[in-house]
C-alpha atoms as a PDB file:
ATOM      1  CA  GLN A   1      15.001   4.671 -24.788  1.00  0.00           C
ATOM      2  CA  VAL A   2      12.642   5.195 -21.858  1.00  0.00           C
ATOM      3  CA  GLN A   3      13.320   8.253 -19.734  1.00  0.00           C
ATOM      4  CA  LEU A   4      11.735   8.960 -16.349  1.00  0.00           C
ATOM      5  CA  VAL A   5      11.833  12.427 -14.805  1.00  0.00           C
ATOM      6  CA  GLU A   6      10.662  13.101 -11.254  1.00  0.00           C
ATOM      7  CA  SER A   7       9.414  16.420  -9.949  1.00  0.00           C
ATOM      8  CA  GLY A   8       7.613  17.864  -6.949  1.00  0.00           C
ATOM      9  CA  GLY A   9      10.181  17.296  -4.233  1.00  0.00           C
ATOM     10  CA  GLY A  10      11.065  19.948  -1.714  1.00  0.00           C
ATOM     11  CA  LEU A  11      11.018  20.965   1.919  1.00  0.00           C
ATOM     12  CA  VAL A  12       7.950  20.342   4.027  1.00  0.00           C
ATOM     13  CA  GLN A  13       7.228  20.419   7.735  1.00  0.00           C
ATOM     14  CA  ALA A  14       6.330  17.237   9.591  1.00  0.00           C
ATOM     15  CA  GLY A  15       2.651  16.502   9.222  1.00  0.00           C
ATOM     16  CA  GLY A  16       2.464  18.258   5.898  1.00  0.00           C
ATOM     17  CA  SER A  17       1.904  16.926   2.407  1.00  0.00           C
ATOM     18  CA  LEU A  18       3.812  16.746  -0.826  1.00  0.00           C
ATOM     19  CA  ARG A  19       3.068  15.330  -4.241  1.00  0.00           C
ATOM     20  CA  LEU A  20       5.701  13.774  -6.461  1.00  0.00           C
ATOM     21  CA  SER A  21       5.220  13.253 -10.159  1.00  0.00           C
ATOM     22  CA  CYS A  22       7.065  11.147 -12.679  1.00  0.00           C
ATOM     23  CA  ALA A  23       6.828  11.719 -16.398  1.00  0.00           C
ATOM     24  CA  ARG A  24       7.812   9.084 -18.916  1.00  0.00           C
ATOM     25  CA  SER A  25       9.060   9.791 -22.403  1.00  0.00           C
ATOM     26  CA  GLY A  26      10.663   7.861 -25.203  1.00  0.00           C
ATOM     27  CA  GLY A  27      10.533   4.175 -25.917  1.00  0.00           C
ATOM     28  CA  ILE A  28       7.525   2.149 -26.905  1.00  0.00           C
ATOM     29  CA  PHE A  29       4.390   1.446 -24.927  1.00  0.00           C
ATOM     30  CA  SER A  30       4.756  -0.951 -22.016  1.00  0.00           C
ATOM     31  CA  SER A  31       2.197  -2.314 -19.585  1.00  0.00           C
ATOM     32  CA  ARG A  32       4.739  -2.767 -16.811  1.00  0.00           C
ATOM     33  CA  ALA A  33       4.197  -1.585 -13.254  1.00  0.00           C
ATOM     34  CA  MET A  34       5.457   1.801 -12.090  1.00  0.00           C
ATOM     35  CA  GLU A  35       7.002   2.202  -8.665  1.00  0.00           C
ATOM     36  CA  TRP A  36       8.665   4.536  -6.179  1.00  0.00           C
ATOM     37  CA  PHE A  37      11.789   3.695  -4.187  1.00  0.00           C
ATOM     38  CA  ARG A  38      14.057   5.497  -1.749  1.00  0.00           C
ATOM     39  CA  PRO A  39      17.491   4.768  -0.234  1.00  0.00           C
ATOM     40  CA  ALA A  40      17.551   3.005   3.120  1.00  0.00           C
ATOM     41  CA  PRO A  41      20.225   1.739   5.523  1.00  0.00           C
ATOM     42  CA  GLY A  42      21.600  -1.572   4.351  1.00  0.00           C
ATOM     43  CA  LYS A  43      19.913  -1.298   0.985  1.00  0.00           C
ATOM     44  CA  GLU A  44      20.576   0.518  -2.214  1.00  0.00           C
ATOM     45  CA  ARG A  45      16.889   1.352  -2.438  1.00  0.00           C
ATOM     46  CA  GLU A  46      13.783   0.240  -0.590  1.00  0.00           C
ATOM     47  CA  PHE A  47      10.289  -0.100  -1.944  1.00  0.00           C
ATOM     48  CA  VAL A  48       7.794   2.655  -1.166  1.00  0.00           C
ATOM     49  CA  ALA A  49       4.820   2.158  -3.459  1.00  0.00           C
ATOM     50  CA  GLY A  50       3.929   0.555  -6.744  1.00  0.00           C
ATOM     51  CA  ILE A  51       1.074   0.430  -9.196  1.00  0.00           C
ATOM     52  CA  SER A  52       0.304  -1.915 -12.055  1.00  0.00           C
ATOM     53  CA  TRP A  53      -0.816  -0.713 -15.460  1.00  0.00           C
ATOM     54  CA  SER A  54      -4.392  -1.622 -14.537  1.00  0.00           C
ATOM     55  CA  GLY A  55      -4.233   0.341 -11.296  1.00  0.00           C
ATOM     56  CA  SER A  56      -3.575  -2.280  -8.626  1.00  0.00           C
ATOM     57  CA  THR A  57      -1.516  -0.681  -5.861  1.00  0.00           C
ATOM     58  CA  ARG A  58       0.983  -1.900  -3.308  1.00  0.00           C
ATOM     59  CA  TYR A  59       2.569  -0.020  -0.405  1.00  0.00           C
ATOM     60  CA  ALA A  60       5.322  -0.398   2.123  1.00  0.00           C
ATOM     61  CA  GLU A  61       3.945  -0.830   5.625  1.00  0.00           C
ATOM     62  CA  SER A  62       5.670   2.346   6.748  1.00  0.00           C
ATOM     63  CA  VAL A  63       3.639   4.503   4.356  1.00  0.00           C
ATOM     64  CA  LYS A  64       0.387   2.584   4.073  1.00  0.00           C
ATOM     65  CA  GLY A  65      -2.611   4.800   4.726  1.00  0.00           C
ATOM     66  CA  ARG A  66      -0.616   8.001   4.240  1.00  0.00           C
ATOM     67  CA  PHE A  67       0.824   7.685   0.730  1.00  0.00           C
ATOM     68  CA  THR A  68      -1.209   7.185  -2.410  1.00  0.00           C
ATOM     69  CA  ILE A  69       0.228   6.171  -5.757  1.00  0.00           C
ATOM     70  CA  SER A  70      -1.655   6.759  -8.978  1.00  0.00           C
ATOM     71  CA  ARG A  71      -0.988   6.784 -12.696  1.00  0.00           C
ATOM     72  CA  ASP A  72      -2.403   8.320 -15.820  1.00  0.00           C
ATOM     73  CA  ASN A  73      -1.498   6.035 -18.682  1.00  0.00           C
ATOM     74  CA  ALA A  74      -2.802   8.444 -21.299  1.00  0.00           C
ATOM     75  CA  LYS A  75      -0.471  11.171 -20.020  1.00  0.00           C
ATOM     76  CA  ASN A  76       2.404   8.801 -19.250  1.00  0.00           C
ATOM     77  CA  THR A  77       2.660   9.954 -15.663  1.00  0.00           C
ATOM     78  CA  VAL A  78       2.702   8.398 -12.222  1.00  0.00           C
ATOM     79  CA  SER A  79       2.270  10.325  -8.983  1.00  0.00           C
ATOM     80  CA  LEU A  80       2.876   9.791  -5.302  1.00  0.00           C
ATOM     81  CA  GLN A  81       0.715  11.799  -2.934  1.00  0.00           C
ATOM     82  CA  MET A  82       2.441  11.891   0.440  1.00  0.00           C
ATOM     83  CA  ASN A  83       0.357  12.954   3.417  1.00  0.00           C
ATOM     84  CA  THR A  84       1.134  13.213   7.119  1.00  0.00           C
ATOM     85  CA  LEU A  85       4.818  13.258   6.332  1.00  0.00           C
ATOM     86  CA  LYS A  86       7.319  12.263   8.989  1.00  0.00           C
ATOM     87  CA  PRO A  87      11.000  13.256   9.252  1.00  0.00           C
ATOM     88  CA  ALA A  88      11.882   9.613   8.572  1.00  0.00           C
ATOM     89  CA  ALA A  89      10.453  10.057   5.096  1.00  0.00           C
ATOM     90  CA  THR A  90      13.307  12.409   4.199  1.00  0.00           C
ATOM     91  CA  ALA A  91      15.035  10.866   1.209  1.00  0.00           C
ATOM     92  CA  VAL A  92      15.593  11.041  -2.495  1.00  0.00           C
ATOM     93  CA  TYR A  93      12.613   9.380  -4.105  1.00  0.00           C
ATOM     94  CA  TYR A  94      13.146   7.515  -7.337  1.00  0.00           C
ATOM     95  CA  CYS A  95      10.560   6.684  -9.932  1.00  0.00           C
ATOM     96  CA  ALA A  96      11.058   3.361 -11.671  1.00  0.00           C
ATOM     97  CA  ARG A  97       9.450   1.131 -14.247  1.00  0.00           C
ATOM     98  CA  SER A  98       9.316  -2.498 -13.302  1.00  0.00           C
ATOM     99  CA  SER A  99      10.431  -5.321 -15.532  1.00  0.00           C
ATOM    100  CA  GLY A 100       7.244  -7.152 -14.557  1.00  0.00           C
ATOM    101  CA  ILE A 101       3.523  -6.610 -14.748  1.00  0.00           C
ATOM    102  CA  GLY A 102       2.839  -6.331 -11.035  1.00  0.00           C
ATOM    103  CA  ALA A 103       4.565  -4.075  -8.524  1.00  0.00           C
ATOM    104  CA  SER A 104       7.679  -5.614  -7.001  1.00  0.00           C
ATOM    105  CA  LEU A 105       9.379  -5.025  -3.651  1.00  0.00           C
ATOM    106  CA  ASP A 106      12.766  -5.705  -5.220  1.00  0.00           C
ATOM    107  CA  TYR A 107      14.627  -2.747  -6.707  1.00  0.00           C
ATOM    108  CA  SER A 108      16.686  -5.114  -8.848  1.00  0.00           C
ATOM    109  CA  GLU A 109      13.572  -5.956 -10.822  1.00  0.00           C
ATOM    110  CA  MET A 110      13.196  -2.402 -12.081  1.00  0.00           C
ATOM    111  CA  ALA A 111      14.023  -1.880 -15.740  1.00  0.00           C
ATOM    112  CA  PHE A 112      14.311   1.927 -15.825  1.00  0.00           C
ATOM    113  CA  TRP A 113      15.015   4.622 -13.239  1.00  0.00           C
ATOM    114  CA  GLY A 114      14.594   8.342 -12.901  1.00  0.00           C
ATOM    115  CA  ARG A 115      17.320  10.474 -11.350  1.00  0.00           C
ATOM    116  CA  GLY A 116      15.342  11.119  -8.183  1.00  0.00           C
ATOM    117  CA  SER A 117      13.618  13.976  -6.395  1.00  0.00           C
ATOM    118  CA  LEU A 118      14.632  15.083  -2.908  1.00  0.00           C
ATOM    119  CA  VAL A 119      12.020  15.234  -0.175  1.00  0.00           C
ATOM    120  CA  THR A 120      13.038  16.850   3.099  1.00  0.00           C
ATOM    121  CA  VAL A 121      10.703  16.682   6.078  1.00  0.00           C
ATOM    122  CA  SER A 122      11.626  18.971   8.954  1.00  0.00           C
ATOM    123  CA  SER A 123      10.626  18.506  12.588  1.00  0.00           C
END
């Protein structure tokens, strides 16, 4: 069984930076995309960033240019570097493994989820 555990969340002032990490354990090797989601009004979870096994990235327009997703397949980890944080970014961020090869905008296409890591951006 695949298990995803997020870490790195916390309190940061607007304009600051934070780095989230997600460690995978259990299960067999998979070349599926890894992604980050967060709750949003009207949605269970909205897409933030995703990365394929080969390293192709995809970002939500709201974070493009400020967030950077990366992965280390050898270490079974995926990270989300969040720069120039805004109060609107305050949310619980969830790491997820996609059911597909490429990153998807649809949370329903995720096969596995972490329990989330809270990011709070103060004004």
